[in-house]
Amino acid sequence: MADLEHHSLTSLGKVGKSSGEIDGMQDPLIDGAGSSENYSVAAAILPHSTHQFLFPALGGLLYGYDIGSTSCAIISVESSSLSGTSWYDLSSVQIGLVTSGSLYGALIGSVLAFNIADFLGRRKELILAALLYLVGALVTAVAPNFIIMVIGRFVFGIGIGLAMHAAPMYIAETAPAQIRGRLISLKEFFIVLGMVVGYTVGSLLVDLVAGWRYMYGVSSPISIIMGIGMWWLPPSPRWLLLCAIQGKGNVQDLKEHAICCLCRLRGPAIGDSAPAQVDEILDELSSTQGTKEASLGEIFHGKCLKALIIGAGLVLFQQITGQPSVLYYAASIFEGAGFSGASNATRVSILLGLFKLIMTAMAVLVVDKVGRRPLLLGGVSGIVISLFLLGSYYIYLGDAPAVAVVALLLYVGCYQLSFGPIGWLMISEIFPLRMRGRGLSMAVLVNFGANAIVTFSFSPLKALLGAGVLFYGFGVIAVLSLLFIFFFIPETKGLTLEEIEAKLL
């Protein structure tokens, strides 16, 4: 790995200094002076270094694929002529279990991550996630009855919960500060890419007998690649050194292991400096992290509480500003505007998926130049406008479908510039290392929990209030999220993980 760990390890300061200073001198890697290496996305994810980003990000790809493929799999499994089963006549509750089984599993996976994250480490947690992805996909694909199918969906979902917890941590802890935002945002890009692939594969297989089995089975080889790739990658040197200062092994052995991992990640370019860099990070961790394993109570005090408010608050607003609800109306909005073929929900999903992919790519390109706060403030402002436009359309402007189309595209585009990638980015970098595993697991639990609440409350609220009032309500929540971002969310652009803890928490 040519460029991913060198900066984050060498930029740690000595005891009592910020991580941008070493004994009163500026670290040249932070200021850009004295280093001949220029960090870029291409340098971080191409040829020699593709594997370090790619394999963790495959967890996001599989998550997105599950979302996309399930929308088509439901059509297939309910069809009397195409399901290939004798139990195709499913009730609405059973359909809900198939659709949301992975979401329930993800909630359980988030809870499990709280206890196993620092025990297993980021790498082994991702290997376990890949194994659960594989087992879940195969069990679902060959399920002889409804109960086994739901169990498969649930197991797959546990894999989602673990992968969405460990992947951003692994990438954050091995990425240089200059491009950390881009790399973690690329994970969101992979989620959206997975959705587009899922919609596309589903549309190609939906007319086959038992096509739903093939849809779910397609994710198996990807999970195998993810598992083998993560088995081959080394552990995060930061996690190894955290284990060293917490007494979870022989300090000297863990130091030597961290040096080997760092040399493997950096390649020949690191030269003989790896031991000095490991000693430096050990000094920094010993002074800032403490020597004991973090307890549950510590999450709700001091720096950890502030980080939890920032991380959990951001992913909560990410969900309760109504993204699933807006997309629910996509097909009817396009059809009302006269677009041919818009009545086909799958075509609309592919169209919107491609648009989301483009907007996410834009966020990836600018997040480390523009910063997190500007993208959040600008994007959520657009979300506010779009939600009030949608509310107005359903109450006052029913004869102007173009307004709804503009509002829909504005919402999707602004979401992918802001909440989509930045939410995952912020929760991966805001927690102190000693609490990162448990803190991030709580944030992921809030994310999936809020997703479940919004998903299941949408239909009753729509029946009670009407679409227009509901979108106005989401607009008010979006205004509150804008205030939350303005007053609580710090700017982390260009800062190492240690600087974020020292300066912003």
Protein backbone atom coordinates (compact mmCIF):
# COMPACT_ATOMS: atom_id res chain seq x y z
CA MET A 1 0.00 0.00 0.00
CA ALA A 2 1.84 3.04 -1.21
CA ASP A 3 0.19 5.97 0.49
CA LEU A 4 -2.48 5.08 3.00
CA GLU A 5 -0.87 4.82 6.44
CA HIS A 6 2.29 6.89 6.30
CA HIS A 7 0.78 10.27 7.01
CA SER A 8 -1.59 9.23 9.75
CA LEU A 9 1.17 7.50 11.66
CA THR A 10 3.96 10.01 11.16
CA SER A 11 1.82 13.03 11.91
CA LEU A 12 1.24 12.11 15.54
CA GLY A 13 2.72 14.63 17.90
CA LYS A 14 4.74 14.11 21.05
CA VAL A 15 3.16 14.19 24.46
CA GLY A 16 1.60 17.54 25.24
CA LYS A 17 1.72 18.75 21.64
CA SER A 18 -0.95 18.80 19.00
CA SER A 19 -0.43 16.23 16.34
CA GLY A 20 0.57 18.97 13.96
CA GLU A 21 3.64 19.86 16.01
CA ILE A 22 6.67 17.94 17.17
CA ASP A 23 8.73 19.70 19.82
CA GLY A 24 7.61 23.08 18.55
CA MET A 25 8.31 22.30 14.91
CA GLN A 26 5.61 21.90 12.29
CA ASP A 27 5.22 18.41 10.95
CA PRO A 28 6.19 18.71 7.27
CA LEU A 29 3.66 16.08 6.27
CA ILE A 30 0.82 18.23 7.56
CA ASP A 31 1.97 21.42 5.94
CA GLY A 32 3.00 19.66 2.77
CA ALA A 33 6.58 20.85 2.96
CA GLY A 34 9.45 18.49 2.99
CA SER A 35 7.52 15.67 1.40
CA SER A 36 7.75 14.67 -2.21
CA GLU A 37 4.56 12.63 -2.03
CA ASN A 38 1.27 14.16 -3.14
CA TYR A 39 -1.83 12.39 -1.90
CA SER A 40 -4.72 11.92 -4.28
CA VAL A 41 -7.57 9.50 -4.70
CA ALA A 42 -5.79 7.94 -7.65
CA ALA A 43 -2.65 7.41 -5.59
CA ALA A 44 -4.68 5.90 -2.79
CA ILE A 45 -6.86 3.44 -4.66
CA LEU A 46 -5.04 2.51 -7.86
CA PRO A 47 -2.57 -0.30 -8.72
CA HIS A 48 -0.55 -1.03 -5.57
CA SER A 49 -3.09 0.34 -3.13
CA THR A 50 -6.44 -0.62 -4.64
CA HIS A 51 -6.88 -3.56 -2.26
CA GLN A 52 -6.68 -1.55 0.96
CA PHE A 53 -9.70 0.56 0.06
CA LEU A 54 -11.50 -1.86 -2.23
CA PHE A 55 -11.96 -4.87 0.03
CA PRO A 56 -13.53 -2.97 2.97
CA ALA A 57 -15.68 -0.99 0.53
CA LEU A 58 -17.10 -4.22 -0.91
CA GLY A 59 -19.10 -4.43 2.31
CA GLY A 60 -20.87 -1.25 1.23
CA LEU A 61 -21.35 -2.57 -2.30
CA LEU A 62 -23.10 -5.68 -0.92
CA TYR A 63 -25.30 -3.53 1.31
CA GLY A 64 -26.39 -1.42 -1.64
CA TYR A 65 -26.87 -4.50 -3.82
CA ASP A 66 -29.22 -5.97 -1.23
CA ILE A 67 -31.37 -2.82 -1.29
CA GLY A 68 -31.57 -2.80 -5.08
CA SER A 69 -32.05 -6.51 -5.71
CA THR A 70 -34.69 -6.96 -3.00
CA SER A 71 -37.07 -4.52 -4.74
CA CYS A 72 -37.09 -6.86 -7.75
CA ALA A 73 -36.87 -10.10 -5.75
CA ILE A 74 -40.16 -9.30 -4.03
CA ILE A 75 -41.90 -9.08 -7.42
CA SER A 76 -40.45 -12.46 -8.36
CA VAL A 77 -41.18 -14.30 -5.12
CA GLU A 78 -44.83 -13.11 -5.09
CA SER A 79 -45.53 -14.25 -8.66
CA SER A 80 -47.55 -17.46 -8.97
CA SER A 81 -45.89 -18.25 -12.30
CA LEU A 82 -42.34 -17.06 -11.64
CA SER A 83 -41.61 -17.68 -7.95
CA GLY A 84 -40.91 -21.38 -8.50
CA THR A 85 -42.35 -22.13 -5.06
CA SER A 86 -45.60 -23.34 -3.58
CA TRP A 87 -45.53 -20.63 -0.89
CA TYR A 88 -45.67 -17.58 -3.16
CA ASP A 89 -48.96 -16.30 -1.69
CA LEU A 90 -47.35 -14.22 1.06
CA SER A 91 -49.17 -11.85 3.37
CA SER A 92 -48.16 -8.21 3.75
CA VAL A 93 -46.46 -9.07 7.05
CA GLN A 94 -44.45 -11.83 5.39
CA ILE A 95 -43.44 -9.52 2.56
CA GLY A 96 -42.36 -7.00 5.17
CA LEU A 97 -40.20 -9.65 6.86
CA VAL A 98 -38.48 -10.49 3.58
CA THR A 99 -37.96 -6.85 2.70
CA SER A 100 -36.83 -5.75 6.15
CA GLY A 101 -35.20 -8.95 7.38
CA SER A 102 -31.76 -7.60 6.53
CA LEU A 103 -32.56 -4.38 8.38
CA TYR A 104 -33.45 -6.31 11.54
CA GLY A 105 -30.22 -8.25 11.15
CA ALA A 106 -28.26 -5.03 10.71
CA LEU A 107 -29.67 -3.76 14.01
CA ILE A 108 -28.45 -6.93 15.74
CA GLY A 109 -25.10 -6.64 13.96
CA SER A 110 -24.70 -3.10 15.28
CA VAL A 111 -25.34 -4.35 18.83
CA LEU A 112 -22.85 -7.20 18.40
CA ALA A 113 -20.24 -4.77 17.08
CA PHE A 114 -20.37 -2.89 20.37
CA ASN A 115 -18.85 -5.86 22.19
CA ILE A 116 -16.64 -7.47 19.53
CA ALA A 117 -15.18 -4.46 17.71
CA ASP A 118 -12.10 -3.91 19.88
CA PHE A 119 -11.79 -7.61 20.68
CA LEU A 120 -11.63 -8.79 17.07
CA GLY A 121 -10.21 -5.67 15.48
CA ARG A 122 -11.40 -4.00 12.29
CA ARG A 123 -9.89 -6.57 9.91
CA LYS A 124 -11.33 -9.68 11.57
CA GLU A 125 -14.70 -7.98 11.98
CA LEU A 126 -14.80 -7.43 8.22
CA ILE A 127 -13.81 -11.05 7.62
CA LEU A 128 -16.69 -12.13 9.86
CA ALA A 129 -19.01 -9.76 7.98
CA ALA A 130 -17.95 -11.32 4.65
CA LEU A 131 -18.65 -14.81 6.04
CA LEU A 132 -22.12 -13.74 7.21
CA TYR A 133 -22.77 -12.12 3.82
CA LEU A 134 -21.88 -15.42 2.12
CA VAL A 135 -23.93 -17.64 4.45
CA GLY A 136 -26.91 -15.28 4.35
CA ALA A 137 -26.88 -15.05 0.55
CA LEU A 138 -26.61 -18.81 0.05
CA VAL A 139 -29.27 -19.66 2.64
CA THR A 140 -31.66 -17.15 1.08
CA ALA A 141 -30.95 -18.34 -2.46
CA VAL A 142 -31.59 -22.04 -1.73
CA ALA A 143 -34.33 -21.56 0.89
CA PRO A 144 -36.87 -24.40 0.67
CA ASN A 145 -39.51 -22.45 2.58
CA PHE A 146 -40.40 -19.00 3.84
CA ILE A 147 -38.90 -19.42 7.33
CA ILE A 148 -35.47 -20.38 5.98
CA MET A 149 -35.59 -17.45 3.55
CA VAL A 150 -36.20 -15.01 6.40
CA ILE A 151 -33.37 -16.58 8.42
CA GLY A 152 -31.06 -16.08 5.45
CA ARG A 153 -32.12 -12.44 5.13
CA PHE A 154 -31.50 -11.95 8.85
CA VAL A 155 -28.00 -13.48 8.71
CA PHE A 156 -27.14 -11.33 5.69
CA GLY A 157 -28.32 -8.30 7.67
CA ILE A 158 -26.00 -9.09 10.58
CA GLY A 159 -23.20 -8.96 8.03
CA ILE A 160 -24.43 -5.54 6.91
CA GLY A 161 -24.36 -4.25 10.50
CA LEU A 162 -20.79 -5.45 11.08
CA ALA A 163 -19.52 -4.27 7.69
CA MET A 164 -21.04 -0.81 7.99
CA HIS A 165 -19.39 -0.55 11.40
CA ALA A 166 -15.90 -1.86 10.60
CA ALA A 167 -15.33 -0.64 7.03
CA PRO A 168 -15.31 3.11 7.76
CA MET A 169 -13.10 2.50 10.81
CA TYR A 170 -10.54 0.49 8.87
CA ILE A 171 -10.40 3.02 6.05
CA ALA A 172 -10.24 5.99 8.46
CA GLU A 173 -7.42 4.47 10.48
CA THR A 174 -5.33 3.66 7.43
CA ALA A 175 -5.93 6.76 5.29
CA PRO A 176 -3.83 9.96 5.30
CA ALA A 177 -5.68 13.03 6.52
CA GLN A 178 -5.50 14.76 3.12
CA ILE A 179 -7.69 12.16 1.41
CA ARG A 180 -9.45 10.43 4.29
CA GLY A 181 -12.71 12.16 3.42
CA ARG A 182 -12.55 11.05 -0.19
CA LEU A 183 -11.81 7.43 0.65
CA ILE A 184 -14.60 7.08 3.21
CA SER A 185 -16.99 8.94 0.91
CA LEU A 186 -16.08 6.44 -1.80
CA LYS A 187 -17.63 3.79 0.45
CA GLU A 188 -20.94 5.65 0.07
CA PHE A 189 -20.26 5.67 -3.67
CA PHE A 190 -19.94 1.88 -3.52
CA ILE A 191 -23.24 1.62 -1.63
CA VAL A 192 -25.01 3.58 -4.38
CA LEU A 193 -23.15 1.60 -7.06
CA GLY A 194 -24.38 -1.59 -5.39
CA MET A 195 -27.95 -0.28 -5.51
CA VAL A 196 -27.67 0.43 -9.25
CA VAL A 197 -26.17 -3.02 -9.86
CA GLY A 198 -28.94 -4.59 -7.76
CA TYR A 199 -31.68 -2.80 -9.69
CA THR A 200 -30.05 -3.75 -13.00
CA VAL A 201 -29.46 -7.41 -12.13
CA GLY A 202 -32.97 -7.62 -10.70
CA SER A 203 -34.54 -6.20 -13.85
CA LEU A 204 -32.65 -8.76 -15.96
CA LEU A 205 -33.62 -11.74 -13.80
CA VAL A 206 -37.14 -10.78 -12.71
CA ASP A 207 -38.79 -12.61 -15.63
CA LEU A 208 -36.97 -15.89 -14.95
CA VAL A 209 -38.62 -18.69 -12.98
CA ALA A 210 -37.16 -18.53 -9.45
CA GLY A 211 -35.28 -15.41 -10.52
CA TRP A 212 -35.19 -14.18 -6.92
CA ARG A 213 -32.87 -17.06 -6.02
CA TYR A 214 -30.33 -15.92 -8.61
CA MET A 215 -30.66 -12.29 -7.49
CA TYR A 216 -29.65 -13.15 -3.95
CA GLY A 217 -27.06 -15.71 -5.04
CA VAL A 218 -25.16 -13.15 -7.13
CA SER A 219 -23.76 -11.54 -3.97
CA SER A 220 -21.98 -14.77 -2.94
CA PRO A 221 -18.85 -14.43 -5.11
CA ILE A 222 -18.48 -10.78 -4.09
CA SER A 223 -18.56 -11.75 -0.42
CA ILE A 224 -15.90 -14.41 -1.07
CA ILE A 225 -13.65 -11.81 -2.71
CA MET A 226 -14.21 -9.47 0.23
CA GLY A 227 -13.36 -12.16 2.79
CA ILE A 228 -10.21 -13.35 1.00
CA GLY A 229 -9.10 -9.75 0.48
CA MET A 230 -9.53 -8.82 4.13
CA TRP A 231 -7.76 -12.01 5.22
CA TRP A 232 -4.80 -10.94 3.08
CA LEU A 233 -4.73 -7.34 4.34
CA PRO A 234 -2.86 -6.57 7.59
CA PRO A 235 -4.58 -5.29 10.74
CA SER A 236 -4.74 -1.56 11.42
CA PRO A 237 -1.44 -0.56 13.12
CA ARG A 238 -3.44 1.87 15.25
CA TRP A 239 -5.58 -0.96 16.61
CA LEU A 240 -2.49 -3.08 17.34
CA LEU A 241 -0.89 -0.25 19.29
CA LEU A 242 -4.13 0.39 21.17
CA CYS A 243 -4.03 -3.28 22.22
CA ALA A 244 -0.42 -2.75 23.35
CA ILE A 245 -1.17 0.15 25.67
CA GLN A 246 -4.22 -1.66 27.07
CA GLY A 247 -2.16 -4.70 28.03
CA LYS A 248 -3.80 -7.11 25.58
CA GLY A 249 -0.55 -8.81 24.68
CA ASN A 250 3.20 -8.42 24.80
CA VAL A 251 4.00 -4.79 24.05
CA GLN A 252 7.19 -5.58 22.15
CA ASP A 253 5.51 -8.25 20.02
CA LEU A 254 2.61 -5.93 19.19
CA LYS A 255 5.05 -3.13 18.33
CA GLU A 256 6.95 -5.41 15.97
CA HIS A 257 3.68 -6.58 14.41
CA ALA A 258 2.59 -2.95 13.92
CA ILE A 259 5.95 -2.17 12.28
CA CYS A 260 5.52 -5.10 9.89
CA CYS A 261 1.97 -4.00 9.04
CA LEU A 262 3.11 -0.44 8.44
CA CYS A 263 5.94 -1.60 6.17
CA ARG A 264 3.52 -3.79 4.25
CA LEU A 265 1.01 -0.99 3.86
CA ARG A 266 3.63 1.57 2.83
CA GLY A 267 5.93 -0.63 0.80
CA PRO A 268 9.62 0.15 0.19
CA ALA A 269 8.97 3.91 0.36
CA ILE A 270 8.86 3.84 4.15
CA GLY A 271 12.54 2.91 4.39
CA ASP A 272 13.86 2.52 7.94
CA SER A 273 11.47 4.99 9.56
CA ALA A 274 8.71 2.54 10.57
CA PRO A 275 10.08 1.79 14.09
CA ALA A 276 10.38 5.49 14.90
CA GLN A 277 6.86 6.14 13.65
CA VAL A 278 5.44 3.31 15.76
CA ASP A 279 7.23 4.62 18.86
CA GLU A 280 5.80 8.04 18.15
CA ILE A 281 2.22 6.82 17.87
CA LEU A 282 2.62 4.75 21.04
CA ASP A 283 3.72 7.85 22.96
CA GLU A 284 0.74 9.79 21.66
CA LEU A 285 -1.77 7.05 22.44
CA SER A 286 -0.37 6.50 25.92
CA SER A 287 -0.83 10.18 26.76
CA THR A 288 -4.30 10.67 25.29
CA GLN A 289 -6.11 7.32 25.36
CA GLY A 290 -5.33 5.82 28.75
CA THR A 291 -4.26 2.25 29.44
CA LYS A 292 -7.61 0.71 30.36
CA GLU A 293 -10.27 -0.64 28.01
CA ALA A 294 -13.16 1.77 27.63
CA SER A 295 -16.31 1.07 29.64
CA LEU A 296 -19.92 1.62 28.61
CA GLY A 297 -20.30 4.50 31.06
CA GLU A 298 -17.40 6.43 29.54
CA ILE A 299 -19.31 6.84 26.28
CA PHE A 300 -21.69 9.22 28.07
CA HIS A 301 -19.03 11.47 29.58
CA GLY A 302 -16.57 14.09 28.39
CA LYS A 303 -15.12 13.86 24.90
CA CYS A 304 -16.95 10.64 24.11
CA LEU A 305 -20.34 12.14 24.91
CA LYS A 306 -19.61 15.10 22.64
CA ALA A 307 -18.50 12.77 19.86
CA LEU A 308 -21.62 10.64 20.37
CA ILE A 309 -23.90 13.68 20.13
CA ILE A 310 -22.18 14.74 16.90
CA GLY A 311 -22.11 11.28 15.31
CA ALA A 312 -25.46 9.90 16.43
CA GLY A 313 -27.20 13.23 15.88
CA LEU A 314 -25.94 13.46 12.33
CA VAL A 315 -26.97 9.93 11.30
CA LEU A 316 -30.33 10.39 13.07
CA PHE A 317 -31.12 13.47 10.97
CA GLN A 318 -29.75 11.59 7.95
CA GLN A 319 -32.68 9.19 8.30
CA ILE A 320 -35.57 11.25 9.71
CA THR A 321 -35.44 13.91 7.00
CA GLY A 322 -37.45 11.43 4.93
CA GLN A 323 -35.21 10.00 2.26
CA PRO A 324 -37.06 6.64 1.99
CA SER A 325 -40.37 8.52 1.84
CA VAL A 326 -39.24 10.84 -0.95
CA LEU A 327 -38.02 7.94 -3.08
CA TYR A 328 -41.33 6.14 -2.49
CA TYR A 329 -43.03 8.77 -4.67
CA ALA A 330 -40.40 8.80 -7.42
CA ALA A 331 -42.28 6.62 -9.91
CA SER A 332 -45.59 8.50 -9.55
CA ILE A 333 -43.85 11.87 -9.82
CA PHE A 334 -42.10 10.97 -13.08
CA GLU A 335 -45.25 9.37 -14.48
CA GLY A 336 -47.29 12.47 -13.64
CA ALA A 337 -44.75 14.59 -15.48
CA GLY A 338 -45.30 12.53 -18.63
CA PHE A 339 -42.07 10.55 -18.81
CA SER A 340 -42.63 7.39 -20.85
CA GLY A 341 -41.86 4.21 -18.97
CA ALA A 342 -41.94 5.98 -15.63
CA SER A 343 -44.67 3.65 -14.44
CA ASN A 344 -41.98 0.97 -14.33
CA ALA A 345 -40.59 1.44 -10.84
CA THR A 346 -37.40 -0.46 -11.67
CA ARG A 347 -36.54 1.91 -14.52
CA VAL A 348 -37.11 4.88 -12.22
CA SER A 349 -34.90 3.29 -9.59
CA ILE A 350 -32.07 2.75 -12.09
CA LEU A 351 -32.44 6.33 -13.35
CA LEU A 352 -32.33 7.79 -9.86
CA GLY A 353 -29.52 5.43 -8.91
CA LEU A 354 -27.36 6.71 -11.75
CA PHE A 355 -28.13 10.30 -10.76
CA LYS A 356 -27.21 9.50 -7.14
CA LEU A 357 -23.98 7.92 -8.35
CA ILE A 358 -23.02 11.09 -10.23
CA MET A 359 -23.79 13.36 -7.27
CA THR A 360 -21.92 11.09 -4.85
CA ALA A 361 -18.91 11.17 -7.18
CA MET A 362 -19.02 14.97 -7.03
CA ALA A 363 -19.00 14.84 -3.23
CA VAL A 364 -16.04 12.45 -3.28
CA LEU A 365 -14.05 14.82 -5.48
CA VAL A 366 -14.61 17.94 -3.37
CA VAL A 367 -15.01 16.76 0.24
CA ASP A 368 -11.33 17.18 1.13
CA LYS A 369 -11.10 20.52 -0.70
CA VAL A 370 -14.37 22.18 0.30
CA GLY A 371 -14.73 20.51 3.71
CA ARG A 372 -17.47 18.67 5.57
CA ARG A 373 -19.42 21.62 6.98
CA PRO A 374 -19.90 23.51 3.68
CA LEU A 375 -21.20 20.37 1.97
CA LEU A 376 -23.55 19.63 4.87
CA LEU A 377 -24.85 23.19 5.18
CA GLY A 378 -25.29 23.65 1.43
CA GLY A 379 -26.74 20.19 0.82
CA VAL A 380 -29.20 20.25 3.72
CA SER A 381 -30.33 23.75 2.71
CA GLY A 382 -31.25 22.26 -0.67
CA ILE A 383 -33.06 19.41 1.09
CA VAL A 384 -35.14 21.93 3.06
CA ILE A 385 -36.18 23.71 -0.13
CA SER A 386 -37.00 20.46 -1.93
CA LEU A 387 -39.16 19.11 0.92
CA PHE A 388 -41.23 22.30 1.13
CA LEU A 389 -41.61 22.23 -2.66
CA LEU A 390 -42.86 18.63 -2.51
CA GLY A 391 -45.29 19.51 0.27
CA SER A 392 -46.59 22.45 -1.77
CA TYR A 393 -46.97 20.26 -4.84
CA TYR A 394 -49.23 17.75 -3.07
CA ILE A 395 -51.34 20.46 -1.42
CA TYR A 396 -51.38 23.46 -3.78
CA LEU A 397 -49.54 22.74 -7.04
CA GLY A 398 -50.99 19.45 -8.25
CA ASP A 399 -51.31 20.81 -11.80
CA ALA A 400 -47.57 21.58 -12.01
CA PRO A 401 -45.80 18.19 -12.02
CA ALA A 402 -42.55 19.81 -13.18
CA VAL A 403 -42.25 21.31 -9.68
CA ALA A 404 -42.34 17.82 -8.19
CA VAL A 405 -39.69 16.53 -10.61
CA VAL A 406 -37.37 19.44 -9.82
CA ALA A 407 -37.95 18.98 -6.09
CA LEU A 408 -37.29 15.25 -6.30
CA LEU A 409 -34.01 15.67 -8.21
CA LEU A 410 -32.98 18.52 -5.92
CA TYR A 411 -33.59 16.35 -2.87
CA VAL A 412 -31.70 13.34 -4.22
CA GLY A 413 -28.77 15.44 -5.45
CA CYS A 414 -28.42 17.43 -2.24
CA TYR A 415 -28.73 14.32 -0.09
CA GLN A 416 -25.87 12.64 -1.96
CA LEU A 417 -23.73 15.76 -1.57
CA SER A 418 -24.34 15.97 2.16
CA PHE A 419 -26.02 13.43 4.43
CA GLY A 420 -25.24 10.43 2.21
CA PRO A 421 -21.42 10.44 2.28
CA ILE A 422 -20.68 12.92 5.08
CA GLY A 423 -22.74 11.08 7.71
CA TRP A 424 -20.61 7.93 7.40
CA LEU A 425 -17.46 10.00 7.14
CA MET A 426 -18.05 11.97 10.34
CA ILE A 427 -18.90 8.97 12.52
CA SER A 428 -15.73 7.20 11.39
CA GLU A 429 -13.40 10.05 12.36
CA ILE A 430 -15.04 11.85 15.29
CA PHE A 431 -14.66 9.22 18.05
CA PRO A 432 -11.43 8.91 20.08
CA LEU A 433 -9.52 5.72 19.25
CA ARG A 434 -10.12 4.04 22.62
CA MET A 435 -13.89 4.51 22.18
CA ARG A 436 -14.09 4.36 18.40
CA GLY A 437 -15.32 0.77 18.16
CA ARG A 438 -18.11 1.15 20.70
CA GLY A 439 -19.00 4.73 19.84
CA LEU A 440 -19.32 3.98 16.14
CA SER A 441 -21.42 0.89 16.88
CA MET A 442 -23.91 3.09 18.75
CA ALA A 443 -24.01 5.57 15.87
CA VAL A 444 -24.61 2.75 13.37
CA LEU A 445 -27.35 1.37 15.64
CA VAL A 446 -29.02 4.80 15.65
CA ASN A 447 -28.74 4.89 11.85
CA PHE A 448 -30.42 1.54 11.26
CA GLY A 449 -32.92 2.07 14.09
CA ALA A 450 -34.04 5.42 12.70
CA ASN A 451 -34.23 3.87 9.24
CA ALA A 452 -36.57 1.19 10.58
CA ILE A 453 -38.77 3.73 12.38
CA VAL A 454 -39.10 5.97 9.30
CA THR A 455 -39.79 2.98 7.04
CA PHE A 456 -42.54 1.53 9.21
CA SER A 457 -44.16 4.80 10.27
CA PHE A 458 -44.38 6.25 6.78
CA SER A 459 -47.57 4.51 5.60
CA PRO A 460 -49.59 5.21 8.78
CA LEU A 461 -48.46 8.86 8.81
CA LYS A 462 -49.28 9.24 5.13
CA ALA A 463 -52.78 7.86 5.73
CA LEU A 464 -53.27 10.10 8.75
CA LEU A 465 -51.76 13.37 7.52
CA GLY A 466 -51.57 13.15 3.74
CA ALA A 467 -48.43 13.38 1.61
CA GLY A 468 -48.29 17.18 1.57
CA VAL A 469 -48.39 17.66 5.35
CA LEU A 470 -45.94 14.78 5.78
CA PHE A 471 -43.39 16.42 3.49
CA TYR A 472 -43.86 19.73 5.30
CA GLY A 473 -43.12 17.87 8.52
CA PHE A 474 -39.94 16.43 7.03
CA GLY A 475 -39.06 19.97 5.92
CA VAL A 476 -39.34 21.24 9.51
CA ILE A 477 -37.10 18.39 10.69
CA ALA A 478 -34.60 19.31 7.96
CA VAL A 479 -34.54 22.90 9.26
CA LEU A 480 -33.75 21.55 12.74
CA SER A 481 -30.98 19.40 11.25
CA LEU A 482 -29.55 22.50 9.58
CA LEU A 483 -29.38 24.25 12.96
CA PHE A 484 -27.78 21.16 14.50
CA ILE A 485 -25.09 21.11 11.80
CA PHE A 486 -24.41 24.84 12.17
CA PHE A 487 -23.98 24.76 15.94
CA PHE A 488 -22.59 21.27 16.64
CA ILE A 489 -20.74 19.80 13.64
CA PRO A 490 -17.02 20.71 13.53
CA GLU A 491 -14.83 20.92 10.43
CA THR A 492 -12.40 17.97 10.28
CA LYS A 493 -10.91 18.61 6.85
CA GLY A 494 -7.15 18.06 6.76
CA LEU A 495 -6.86 17.00 10.42
CA THR A 496 -5.44 13.69 11.58
CA LEU A 497 -7.62 11.54 13.82
CA GLU A 498 -5.49 12.56 16.79
CA GLU A 499 -5.85 16.25 15.96
CA ILE A 500 -9.61 15.87 15.78
CA GLU A 501 -9.64 14.47 19.31
CA ALA A 502 -7.21 17.06 20.69
CA LYS A 503 -8.63 20.18 19.04
CA LEU A 504 -12.32 19.56 18.40
CA LEU A 505 -13.57 17.42 21.28
